[in-house]
Amino acid sequence: MAKKSWIARNAKRKRTAEKYALKRKELKEAGDYEALQKLPRDASPTRIRQRCSLTGRSRGYVGKFGISRIKFRELASVGKIPGVKKASW
Protein backbone atom coordinates (compact mmCIF):
# COMPACT_ATOMS: atom_id res chain seq x y z
CA MET A 1 0.00 0.00 0.00
CA ALA A 2 1.33 3.41 -0.95
CA LYS A 3 1.72 6.16 1.61
CA LYS A 4 -1.46 8.13 2.16
CA SER A 5 0.43 11.37 1.54
CA TRP A 6 1.44 10.24 -1.98
CA ILE A 7 -2.14 9.29 -2.82
CA ALA A 8 -3.44 12.58 -1.42
CA ARG A 9 -0.79 14.59 -3.31
CA ASN A 10 -1.76 12.90 -6.57
CA ALA A 11 -5.45 13.57 -5.92
CA LYS A 12 -4.65 17.24 -5.31
CA ARG A 13 -2.76 17.36 -8.61
CA LYS A 14 -5.78 15.89 -10.41
CA ARG A 15 -8.08 18.53 -8.92
CA THR A 16 -5.66 21.35 -9.80
CA ALA A 17 -5.22 20.10 -13.37
CA GLU A 18 -9.00 19.93 -13.85
CA LYS A 19 -9.42 23.40 -12.38
CA TYR A 20 -6.92 25.03 -14.77
CA ALA A 21 -7.56 22.86 -17.86
CA LEU A 22 -9.66 25.42 -19.71
CA LYS A 23 -7.33 28.30 -18.85
CA ARG A 24 -4.27 26.30 -19.97
CA LYS A 25 -5.96 25.47 -23.25
CA GLU A 26 -6.83 29.12 -23.91
CA LEU A 27 -3.31 30.31 -23.09
CA LYS A 28 -1.72 27.67 -25.32
CA GLU A 29 -3.96 28.61 -28.24
CA ALA A 30 -3.14 32.29 -27.74
CA GLY A 31 0.57 31.49 -27.52
CA ASP A 32 0.94 33.32 -24.20
CA TYR A 33 3.69 31.20 -22.69
CA GLU A 34 4.64 33.76 -20.05
CA ALA A 35 1.16 33.61 -18.50
CA LEU A 36 1.25 29.84 -18.85
CA GLN A 37 4.41 29.71 -16.75
CA LYS A 38 2.72 31.71 -14.00
CA LEU A 39 0.11 28.98 -13.47
CA PRO A 40 0.79 26.50 -10.64
CA ARG A 41 3.08 23.61 -11.53
CA ASP A 42 0.45 21.07 -10.56
CA ALA A 43 -1.90 22.57 -13.16
CA SER A 44 -0.02 20.60 -15.79
CA PRO A 45 -1.64 17.20 -16.51
CA THR A 46 1.78 15.59 -17.07
CA ARG A 47 2.46 15.81 -13.33
CA ILE A 48 -0.39 13.42 -12.55
CA ARG A 49 0.86 9.92 -11.76
CA GLN A 50 -1.31 6.94 -12.66
CA ARG A 51 -1.93 4.88 -9.55
CA CYS A 52 -3.70 1.64 -8.66
CA SER A 53 -7.24 2.40 -7.51
CA LEU A 54 -7.05 -0.33 -4.85
CA THR A 55 -3.58 0.03 -3.35
CA GLY A 56 -2.21 3.32 -4.68
CA ARG A 57 0.84 1.62 -6.19
CA SER A 58 2.39 3.73 -8.95
CA ARG A 59 4.56 1.19 -10.74
CA GLY A 60 3.22 -1.70 -12.79
CA TYR A 61 -0.03 0.10 -13.58
CA VAL A 62 -2.36 -1.70 -16.01
CA GLY A 63 -4.20 1.17 -17.67
CA LYS A 64 -7.10 -0.77 -19.16
CA PHE A 65 -8.20 -1.94 -15.73
CA GLY A 66 -6.91 0.91 -13.55
CA ILE A 67 -5.08 -1.37 -11.11
CA SER A 68 -1.51 -2.55 -10.53
CA ARG A 69 -0.12 -5.75 -12.03
CA ILE A 70 -0.11 -7.44 -8.63
CA LYS A 71 -3.79 -6.80 -7.88
CA PHE A 72 -4.62 -7.61 -11.50
CA ARG A 73 -3.04 -11.04 -11.14
CA GLU A 74 -4.75 -11.70 -7.80
CA LEU A 75 -8.19 -10.71 -9.08
CA ALA A 76 -7.74 -12.55 -12.40
CA SER A 77 -6.71 -15.75 -10.60
CA VAL A 78 -9.85 -15.67 -8.47
CA GLY A 79 -11.98 -14.87 -11.52
CA LYS A 80 -13.17 -11.46 -10.37
CA ILE A 81 -12.24 -9.65 -13.61
CA PRO A 82 -14.80 -10.46 -16.32
CA GLY A 83 -13.38 -11.81 -19.56
CA VAL A 84 -9.89 -12.47 -18.12
CA LYS A 85 -8.59 -15.94 -17.39
CA LYS A 86 -5.20 -17.50 -16.94
CA ALA A 87 -3.57 -18.56 -20.18
CA SER A 88 -2.81 -22.21 -20.84
CA TRP A 89 -1.51 -23.80 -24.03
PDB file of N, CA and C in Angstrom:
ATOM      1  N   MET A   1       0.847  -1.180   0.000  1.00  0.00           N
ATOM      2  CA  MET A   1       0.000   0.000   0.000  1.00  0.00           C
ATOM      3  C   MET A   1       0.892   1.243   0.000  1.00  0.00           C
ATOM      4  N   ALA A   2       0.555   2.166  -0.864  1.00  0.00           N
ATOM      5  CA  ALA A   2       1.326   3.406  -0.952  1.00  0.00           C
ATOM      6  C   ALA A   2       1.025   4.292   0.248  1.00  0.00           C
ATOM      7  N   LYS A   3       1.938   5.216   0.510  1.00  0.00           N
ATOM      8  CA  LYS A   3       1.720   6.157   1.606  1.00  0.00           C
ATOM      9  C   LYS A   3       0.502   7.022   1.297  1.00  0.00           C
ATOM     10  N   LYS A   4      -0.254   7.318   2.331  1.00  0.00           N
ATOM     11  CA  LYS A   4      -1.463   8.126   2.158  1.00  0.00           C
ATOM     12  C   LYS A   4      -1.124   9.513   1.618  1.00  0.00           C
ATOM     13  N   SER A   5       0.048  10.029   1.991  1.00  0.00           N
ATOM     14  CA  SER A   5       0.429  11.366   1.539  1.00  0.00           C
ATOM     15  C   SER A   5       0.655  11.392   0.030  1.00  0.00           C
ATOM     16  N   TRP A   6       1.213  10.297  -0.542  1.00  0.00           N
ATOM     17  CA  TRP A   6       1.436  10.238  -1.983  1.00  0.00           C
ATOM     18  C   TRP A   6       0.109  10.192  -2.727  1.00  0.00           C
ATOM     19  N   ILE A   7      -0.824   9.405  -2.186  1.00  0.00           N
ATOM     20  CA  ILE A   7      -2.139   9.288  -2.817  1.00  0.00           C
ATOM     21  C   ILE A   7      -2.867  10.625  -2.754  1.00  0.00           C
ATOM     22  N   ALA A   8      -2.783  11.286  -1.603  1.00  0.00           N
ATOM     23  CA  ALA A   8      -3.444  12.583  -1.424  1.00  0.00           C
ATOM     24  C   ALA A   8      -2.816  13.639  -2.332  1.00  0.00           C
ATOM     25  N   ARG A   9      -1.493  13.627  -2.459  1.00  0.00           N
ATOM     26  CA  ARG A   9      -0.793  14.592  -3.307  1.00  0.00           C
ATOM     27  C   ARG A   9      -1.219  14.424  -4.765  1.00  0.00           C
ATOM     28  N   ASN A  10      -1.348  13.172  -5.195  1.00  0.00           N
ATOM     29  CA  ASN A  10      -1.757  12.902  -6.570  1.00  0.00           C
ATOM     30  C   ASN A  10      -3.204  13.343  -6.807  1.00  0.00           C
ATOM     31  N   ALA A  11      -4.057  13.135  -5.810  1.00  0.00           N
ATOM     32  CA  ALA A  11      -5.454  13.567  -5.923  1.00  0.00           C
ATOM     33  C   ALA A  11      -5.541  15.088  -6.015  1.00  0.00           C
ATOM     34  N   LYS A  12      -4.694  15.776  -5.263  1.00  0.00           N
ATOM     35  CA  LYS A  12      -4.650  17.237  -5.307  1.00  0.00           C
ATOM     36  C   LYS A  12      -4.203  17.708  -6.686  1.00  0.00           C
ATOM     37  N   ARG A  13      -3.233  17.009  -7.266  1.00  0.00           N
ATOM     38  CA  ARG A  13      -2.758  17.362  -8.607  1.00  0.00           C
ATOM     39  C   ARG A  13      -3.868  17.186  -9.638  1.00  0.00           C
ATOM     40  N   LYS A  14      -4.664  16.120  -9.490  1.00  0.00           N
ATOM     41  CA  LYS A  14      -5.781  15.895 -10.412  1.00  0.00           C
ATOM     42  C   LYS A  14      -6.784  17.034 -10.328  1.00  0.00           C
ATOM     43  N   ARG A  15      -7.124  17.440  -9.103  1.00  0.00           N
ATOM     44  CA  ARG A  15      -8.077  18.534  -8.917  1.00  0.00           C
ATOM     45  C   ARG A  15      -7.544  19.828  -9.519  1.00  0.00           C
ATOM     46  N   THR A  16      -6.265  20.116  -9.292  1.00  0.00           N
ATOM     47  CA  THR A  16      -5.663  21.346  -9.799  1.00  0.00           C
ATOM     48  C   THR A  16      -5.620  21.337 -11.329  1.00  0.00           C
ATOM     49  N   ALA A  17      -5.288  20.202 -11.917  1.00  0.00           N
ATOM     50  CA  ALA A  17      -5.220  20.103 -13.374  1.00  0.00           C
ATOM     51  C   ALA A  17      -6.603  20.303 -13.988  1.00  0.00           C
ATOM     52  N   GLU A  18      -7.631  19.747 -13.358  1.00  0.00           N
ATOM     53  CA  GLU A  18      -8.996  19.929 -13.854  1.00  0.00           C
ATOM     54  C   GLU A  18      -9.431  21.390 -13.733  1.00  0.00           C
ATOM     55  N   LYS A  19      -9.042  22.017 -12.643  1.00  0.00           N
ATOM     56  CA  LYS A  19      -9.422  23.405 -12.384  1.00  0.00           C
ATOM     57  C   LYS A  19      -8.855  24.351 -13.449  1.00  0.00           C
ATOM     58  N   TYR A  20      -7.607  24.135 -13.840  1.00  0.00           N
ATOM     59  CA  TYR A  20      -6.918  25.025 -14.774  1.00  0.00           C
ATOM     60  C   TYR A  20      -6.919  24.526 -16.219  1.00  0.00           C
ATOM     61  N   ALA A  21      -7.612  23.447 -16.512  1.00  0.00           N
ATOM     62  CA  ALA A  21      -7.563  22.858 -17.858  1.00  0.00           C
ATOM     63  C   ALA A  21      -8.025  23.834 -18.932  1.00  0.00           C
ATOM     64  N   LEU A  22      -9.133  24.492 -18.709  1.00  0.00           N
ATOM     65  CA  LEU A  22      -9.663  25.423 -19.708  1.00  0.00           C
ATOM     66  C   LEU A  22      -8.737  26.622 -19.891  1.00  0.00           C
ATOM     67  N   LYS A  23      -8.229  27.144 -18.789  1.00  0.00           N
ATOM     68  CA  LYS A  23      -7.333  28.300 -18.848  1.00  0.00           C
ATOM     69  C   LYS A  23      -6.033  27.943 -19.575  1.00  0.00           C
ATOM     70  N   ARG A  24      -5.490  26.760 -19.292  1.00  0.00           N
ATOM     71  CA  ARG A  24      -4.270  26.300 -19.967  1.00  0.00           C
ATOM     72  C   ARG A  24      -4.496  26.188 -21.464  1.00  0.00           C
ATOM     73  N   LYS A  25      -5.654  25.644 -21.839  1.00  0.00           N
ATOM     74  CA  LYS A  25      -5.962  25.470 -23.254  1.00  0.00           C
ATOM     75  C   LYS A  25      -6.038  26.822 -23.967  1.00  0.00           C
ATOM     76  N   GLU A  26      -6.700  27.787 -23.322  1.00  0.00           N
ATOM     77  CA  GLU A  26      -6.829  29.120 -23.913  1.00  0.00           C
ATOM     78  C   GLU A  26      -5.466  29.801 -24.065  1.00  0.00           C
ATOM     79  N   LEU A  27      -4.628  29.681 -23.030  1.00  0.00           N
ATOM     80  CA  LEU A  27      -3.308  30.313 -23.085  1.00  0.00           C
ATOM     81  C   LEU A  27      -2.417  29.675 -24.142  1.00  0.00           C
ATOM     82  N   LYS A  28      -2.527  28.362 -24.298  1.00  0.00           N
ATOM     83  CA  LYS A  28      -1.723  27.673 -25.317  1.00  0.00           C
ATOM     84  C   LYS A  28      -2.149  28.099 -26.718  1.00  0.00           C
ATOM     85  N   GLU A  29      -3.468  28.200 -26.928  1.00  0.00           N
ATOM     86  CA  GLU A  29      -3.963  28.614 -28.245  1.00  0.00           C
ATOM     87  C   GLU A  29      -3.544  30.045 -28.573  1.00  0.00           C
ATOM     88  N   ALA A  30      -3.525  30.894 -27.537  1.00  0.00           N
ATOM     89  CA  ALA A  30      -3.136  32.290 -27.735  1.00  0.00           C
ATOM     90  C   ALA A  30      -1.624  32.438 -27.880  1.00  0.00           C
ATOM     91  N   GLY A  31      -0.889  31.439 -27.444  1.00  0.00           N
ATOM     92  CA  GLY A  31       0.572  31.492 -27.524  1.00  0.00           C
ATOM     93  C   GLY A  31       1.194  32.326 -26.417  1.00  0.00           C
ATOM     94  N   ASP A  32       0.461  32.524 -25.336  1.00  0.00           N
ATOM     95  CA  ASP A  32       0.937  33.325 -24.200  1.00  0.00           C
ATOM     96  C   ASP A  32       1.671  32.412 -23.210  1.00  0.00           C
ATOM     97  N   TYR A  33       2.934  32.148 -23.498  1.00  0.00           N
ATOM     98  CA  TYR A  33       3.687  31.204 -22.686  1.00  0.00           C
ATOM     99  C   TYR A  33       4.166  31.810 -21.371  1.00  0.00           C
ATOM    100  N   GLU A  34       4.254  33.114 -21.308  1.00  0.00           N
ATOM    101  CA  GLU A  34       4.642  33.761 -20.052  1.00  0.00           C
ATOM    102  C   GLU A  34       3.538  33.604 -19.015  1.00  0.00           C
ATOM    103  N   ALA A  35       2.298  33.795 -19.418  1.00  0.00           N
ATOM    104  CA  ALA A  35       1.164  33.615 -18.504  1.00  0.00           C
ATOM    105  C   ALA A  35       1.000  32.140 -18.150  1.00  0.00           C
ATOM    106  N   LEU A  36       1.340  31.281 -19.091  1.00  0.00           N
ATOM    107  CA  LEU A  36       1.245  29.841 -18.855  1.00  0.00           C
ATOM    108  C   LEU A  36       2.229  29.407 -17.774  1.00  0.00           C
ATOM    109  N   GLN A  37       3.408  30.034 -17.759  1.00  0.00           N
ATOM    110  CA  GLN A  37       4.413  29.706 -16.748  1.00  0.00           C
ATOM    111  C   GLN A  37       4.009  30.180 -15.358  1.00  0.00           C
ATOM    112  N   LYS A  38       3.140  31.173 -15.291  1.00  0.00           N
ATOM    113  CA  LYS A  38       2.718  31.705 -13.997  1.00  0.00           C
ATOM    114  C   LYS A  38       1.637  30.845 -13.325  1.00  0.00           C
ATOM    115  N   LEU A  39       1.072  29.906 -14.069  1.00  0.00           N
ATOM    116  CA  LEU A  39       0.110  28.979 -13.466  1.00  0.00           C
ATOM    117  C   LEU A  39       0.843  28.049 -12.506  1.00  0.00           C
ATOM    118  N   PRO A  40       0.128  27.450 -11.552  1.00  0.00           N
ATOM    119  CA  PRO A  40       0.789  26.499 -10.644  1.00  0.00           C
ATOM    120  C   PRO A  40       1.374  25.313 -11.402  1.00  0.00           C
ATOM    121  N   ARG A  41       2.441  24.764 -10.877  1.00  0.00           N
ATOM    122  CA  ARG A  41       3.078  23.611 -11.527  1.00  0.00           C
ATOM    123  C   ARG A  41       2.126  22.429 -11.630  1.00  0.00           C
ATOM    124  N   ASP A  42       1.354  22.219 -10.582  1.00  0.00           N
ATOM    125  CA  ASP A  42       0.450  21.067 -10.565  1.00  0.00           C
ATOM    126  C   ASP A  42      -0.727  21.227 -11.512  1.00  0.00           C
ATOM    127  N   ALA A  43      -0.831  22.370 -12.182  1.00  0.00           N
ATOM    128  CA  ALA A  43      -1.902  22.575 -13.162  1.00  0.00           C
ATOM    129  C   ALA A  43      -1.614  21.801 -14.446  1.00  0.00           C
ATOM    130  N   SER A  44      -0.395  21.356 -14.611  1.00  0.00           N
ATOM    131  CA  SER A  44      -0.023  20.597 -15.795  1.00  0.00           C
ATOM    132  C   SER A  44      -0.454  19.136 -15.647  1.00  0.00           C
ATOM    133  N   PRO A  45      -1.172  18.593 -16.630  1.00  0.00           N
ATOM    134  CA  PRO A  45      -1.635  17.204 -16.507  1.00  0.00           C
ATOM    135  C   PRO A  45      -0.512  16.169 -16.563  1.00  0.00           C
ATOM    136  N   THR A  46       0.682  16.553 -17.011  1.00  0.00           N
ATOM    137  CA  THR A  46       1.778  15.587 -17.071  1.00  0.00           C
ATOM    138  C   THR A  46       2.328  15.267 -15.680  1.00  0.00           C
ATOM    139  N   ARG A  47       1.988  16.070 -14.683  1.00  0.00           N
ATOM    140  CA  ARG A  47       2.464  15.814 -13.326  1.00  0.00           C
ATOM    141  C   ARG A  47       1.619  14.787 -12.589  1.00  0.00           C
ATOM    142  N   ILE A  48       0.488  14.413 -13.171  1.00  0.00           N
ATOM    143  CA  ILE A  48      -0.386  13.422 -12.545  1.00  0.00           C
ATOM    144  C   ILE A  48       0.204  12.038 -12.773  1.00  0.00           C
ATOM    145  N   ARG A  49       0.298  11.273 -11.706  1.00  0.00           N
ATOM    146  CA  ARG A  49       0.857   9.925 -11.759  1.00  0.00           C
ATOM    147  C   ARG A  49      -0.296   8.928 -11.752  1.00  0.00           C
ATOM    148  N   GLN A  50      -0.261   7.950 -12.650  1.00  0.00           N
ATOM    149  CA  GLN A  50      -1.311   6.942 -12.660  1.00  0.00           C
ATOM    150  C   GLN A  50      -1.053   5.957 -11.533  1.00  0.00           C
ATOM    151  N   ARG A  51      -2.068   5.747 -10.705  1.00  0.00           N
ATOM    152  CA  ARG A  51      -1.928   4.885  -9.549  1.00  0.00           C
ATOM    153  C   ARG A  51      -3.028   3.841  -9.503  1.00  0.00           C
ATOM    154  N   CYS A  52      -2.729   2.708  -8.865  1.00  0.00           N
ATOM    155  CA  CYS A  52      -3.698   1.637  -8.664  1.00  0.00           C
ATOM    156  C   CYS A  52      -4.851   2.172  -7.822  1.00  0.00           C
ATOM    157  N   SER A  53      -6.081   1.900  -8.245  1.00  0.00           N
ATOM    158  CA  SER A  53      -7.238   2.399  -7.506  1.00  0.00           C
ATOM    159  C   SER A  53      -7.462   1.642  -6.206  1.00  0.00           C
ATOM    160  N   LEU A  54      -6.873   0.457  -6.072  1.00  0.00           N
ATOM    161  CA  LEU A  54      -7.054  -0.335  -4.852  1.00  0.00           C
ATOM    162  C   LEU A  54      -5.950  -0.105  -3.822  1.00  0.00           C
ATOM    163  N   THR A  55      -4.704  -0.056  -4.291  1.00  0.00           N
ATOM    164  CA  THR A  55      -3.582   0.032  -3.353  1.00  0.00           C
ATOM    165  C   THR A  55      -2.833   1.351  -3.415  1.00  0.00           C
ATOM    166  N   GLY A  56      -2.944   2.077  -4.522  1.00  0.00           N
ATOM    167  CA  GLY A  56      -2.207   3.321  -4.680  1.00  0.00           C
ATOM    168  C   GLY A  56      -0.824   3.127  -5.257  1.00  0.00           C
ATOM    169  N   ARG A  57      -0.480   1.903  -5.630  1.00  0.00           N
ATOM    170  CA  ARG A  57       0.835   1.619  -6.190  1.00  0.00           C
ATOM    171  C   ARG A  57       0.996   2.338  -7.523  1.00  0.00           C
ATOM    172  N   SER A  58       2.178   2.941  -7.741  1.00  0.00           N
ATOM    173  CA  SER A  58       2.386   3.728  -8.949  1.00  0.00           C
ATOM    174  C   SER A  58       3.062   2.937 -10.065  1.00  0.00           C
ATOM    175  N   ARG A  59       3.853   1.963  -9.715  1.00  0.00           N
ATOM    176  CA  ARG A  59       4.558   1.188 -10.742  1.00  0.00           C
ATOM    177  C   ARG A  59       3.754  -0.050 -11.110  1.00  0.00           C
ATOM    178  N   GLY A  60       3.914  -0.502 -12.338  1.00  0.00           N
ATOM    179  CA  GLY A  60       3.219  -1.699 -12.792  1.00  0.00           C
ATOM    180  C   GLY A  60       1.730  -1.459 -12.956  1.00  0.00           C
ATOM    181  N   TYR A  61       1.367  -0.292 -13.427  1.00  0.00           N
ATOM    182  CA  TYR A  61      -0.030   0.099 -13.584  1.00  0.00           C
ATOM    183  C   TYR A  61      -0.584  -0.461 -14.891  1.00  0.00           C
ATOM    184  N   VAL A  62      -1.701  -1.173 -14.822  1.00  0.00           N
ATOM    185  CA  VAL A  62      -2.363  -1.704 -16.009  1.00  0.00           C
ATOM    186  C   VAL A  62      -3.499  -0.747 -16.342  1.00  0.00           C
ATOM    187  N   GLY A  63      -3.288   0.072 -17.367  1.00  0.00           N
ATOM    188  CA  GLY A  63      -4.198   1.171 -17.672  1.00  0.00           C
ATOM    189  C   GLY A  63      -5.612   0.753 -18.021  1.00  0.00           C
ATOM    190  N   LYS A  64      -5.778  -0.342 -18.722  1.00  0.00           N
ATOM    191  CA  LYS A  64      -7.101  -0.770 -19.160  1.00  0.00           C
ATOM    192  C   LYS A  64      -8.012  -1.088 -17.976  1.00  0.00           C
ATOM    193  N   PHE A  65      -7.418  -1.549 -16.890  1.00  0.00           N
ATOM    194  CA  PHE A  65      -8.201  -1.943 -15.725  1.00  0.00           C
ATOM    195  C   PHE A  65      -8.072  -0.974 -14.554  1.00  0.00           C
ATOM    196  N   GLY A  66      -7.077  -0.098 -14.594  1.00  0.00           N
ATOM    197  CA  GLY A  66      -6.909   0.909 -13.550  1.00  0.00           C
ATOM    198  C   GLY A  66      -6.344   0.375 -12.253  1.00  0.00           C
ATOM    199  N   ILE A  67      -5.672  -0.779 -12.313  1.00  0.00           N
ATOM    200  CA  ILE A  67      -5.077  -1.372 -11.108  1.00  0.00           C
ATOM    201  C   ILE A  67      -3.645  -1.801 -11.402  1.00  0.00           C
ATOM    202  N   SER A  68      -2.903  -2.128 -10.351  1.00  0.00           N
ATOM    203  CA  SER A  68      -1.515  -2.550 -10.532  1.00  0.00           C
ATOM    204  C   SER A  68      -1.463  -4.000 -11.012  1.00  0.00           C
ATOM    205  N   ARG A  69      -0.302  -4.390 -11.506  1.00  0.00           N
ATOM    206  CA  ARG A  69      -0.119  -5.745 -12.028  1.00  0.00           C
ATOM    207  C   ARG A  69      -0.335  -6.804 -10.958  1.00  0.00           C
ATOM    208  N   ILE A  70       0.011  -6.482  -9.722  1.00  0.00           N
ATOM    209  CA  ILE A  70      -0.111  -7.444  -8.629  1.00  0.00           C
ATOM    210  C   ILE A  70      -1.579  -7.709  -8.321  1.00  0.00           C
ATOM    211  N   LYS A  71      -2.356  -6.650  -8.146  1.00  0.00           N
ATOM    212  CA  LYS A  71      -3.786  -6.797  -7.882  1.00  0.00           C
ATOM    213  C   LYS A  71      -4.502  -7.402  -9.084  1.00  0.00           C
ATOM    214  N   PHE A  72      -4.035  -7.038 -10.288  1.00  0.00           N
ATOM    215  CA  PHE A  72      -4.623  -7.611 -11.498  1.00  0.00           C
ATOM    216  C   PHE A  72      -4.482  -9.124 -11.489  1.00  0.00           C
ATOM    217  N   ARG A  73      -3.294  -9.595 -11.156  1.00  0.00           N
ATOM    218  CA  ARG A  73      -3.039 -11.039 -11.142  1.00  0.00           C
ATOM    219  C   ARG A  73      -3.877 -11.728 -10.073  1.00  0.00           C
ATOM    220  N   GLU A  74      -3.964 -11.115  -8.883  1.00  0.00           N
ATOM    221  CA  GLU A  74      -4.754 -11.699  -7.797  1.00  0.00           C
ATOM    222  C   GLU A  74      -6.228 -11.805  -8.186  1.00  0.00           C
ATOM    223  N   LEU A  75      -6.778 -10.729  -8.718  1.00  0.00           N
ATOM    224  CA  LEU A  75      -8.193 -10.714  -9.075  1.00  0.00           C
ATOM    225  C   LEU A  75      -8.482 -11.615 -10.272  1.00  0.00           C
ATOM    226  N   ALA A  76      -7.549 -11.688 -11.233  1.00  0.00           N
ATOM    227  CA  ALA A  76      -7.743 -12.554 -12.397  1.00  0.00           C
ATOM    228  C   ALA A  76      -7.688 -14.025 -12.000  1.00  0.00           C
ATOM    229  N   SER A  77      -6.827 -14.370 -11.050  1.00  0.00           N
ATOM    230  CA  SER A  77      -6.706 -15.749 -10.602  1.00  0.00           C
ATOM    231  C   SER A  77      -7.974 -16.234  -9.908  1.00  0.00           C
ATOM    232  N   VAL A  78      -8.612 -15.335  -9.194  1.00  0.00           N
ATOM    233  CA  VAL A  78      -9.847 -15.674  -8.470  1.00  0.00           C
ATOM    234  C   VAL A  78     -11.055 -15.628  -9.405  1.00  0.00           C
ATOM    235  N   GLY A  79     -10.901 -14.971 -10.549  1.00  0.00           N
ATOM    236  CA  GLY A  79     -11.982 -14.870 -11.523  1.00  0.00           C
ATOM    237  C   GLY A  79     -12.886 -13.681 -11.294  1.00  0.00           C
ATOM    238  N   LYS A  80     -12.363 -12.635 -10.666  1.00  0.00           N
ATOM    239  CA  LYS A  80     -13.174 -11.458 -10.368  1.00  0.00           C
ATOM    240  C   LYS A  80     -13.141 -10.404 -11.462  1.00  0.00           C
ATOM    241  N   ILE A  81     -12.284 -10.589 -12.484  1.00  0.00           N
ATOM    242  CA  ILE A  81     -12.239  -9.654 -13.606  1.00  0.00           C
ATOM    243  C   ILE A  81     -12.922 -10.341 -14.786  1.00  0.00           C
ATOM    244  N   PRO A  82     -14.074  -9.826 -15.234  1.00  0.00           N
ATOM    245  CA  PRO A  82     -14.803 -10.464 -16.320  1.00  0.00           C
ATOM    246  C   PRO A  82     -14.006 -10.520 -17.625  1.00  0.00           C
ATOM    247  N   GLY A  83     -14.032 -11.653 -18.267  1.00  0.00           N
ATOM    248  CA  GLY A  83     -13.376 -11.812 -19.557  1.00  0.00           C
ATOM    249  C   GLY A  83     -11.891 -12.094 -19.477  1.00  0.00           C
ATOM    250  N   VAL A  84     -11.320 -12.219 -18.276  1.00  0.00           N
ATOM    251  CA  VAL A  84      -9.894 -12.474 -18.121  1.00  0.00           C
ATOM    252  C   VAL A  84      -9.718 -13.822 -17.426  1.00  0.00           C
ATOM    253  N   LYS A  85      -8.912 -14.680 -18.037  1.00  0.00           N
ATOM    254  CA  LYS A  85      -8.592 -15.940 -17.388  1.00  0.00           C
ATOM    255  C   LYS A  85      -7.139 -16.281 -17.655  1.00  0.00           C
ATOM    256  N   LYS A  86      -6.605 -17.140 -16.832  1.00  0.00           N
ATOM    257  CA  LYS A  86      -5.202 -17.502 -16.944  1.00  0.00           C
ATOM    258  C   LYS A  86      -4.965 -18.278 -18.246  1.00  0.00           C
ATOM    259  N   ALA A  87      -3.882 -17.924 -18.912  1.00  0.00           N
ATOM    260  CA  ALA A  87      -3.573 -18.564 -20.179  1.00  0.00           C
ATOM    261  C   ALA A  87      -3.032 -19.961 -19.963  1.00  0.00           C
ATOM    262  N   SER A  88      -3.383 -20.863 -20.867  1.00  0.00           N
ATOM    263  CA  SER A  88      -2.806 -22.207 -20.841  1.00  0.00           C
ATOM    264  C   SER A  88      -2.778 -22.726 -22.282  1.00  0.00           C
ATOM    265  N   TRP A  89      -1.639 -23.262 -22.670  1.00  0.00           N
ATOM    266  CA  TRP A  89      -1.508 -23.803 -24.025  1.00  0.00           C
ATOM    267  C   TRP A  89      -0.592 -24.970 -24.045  1.00  0.00           C
TER     268      TRP A  89
END
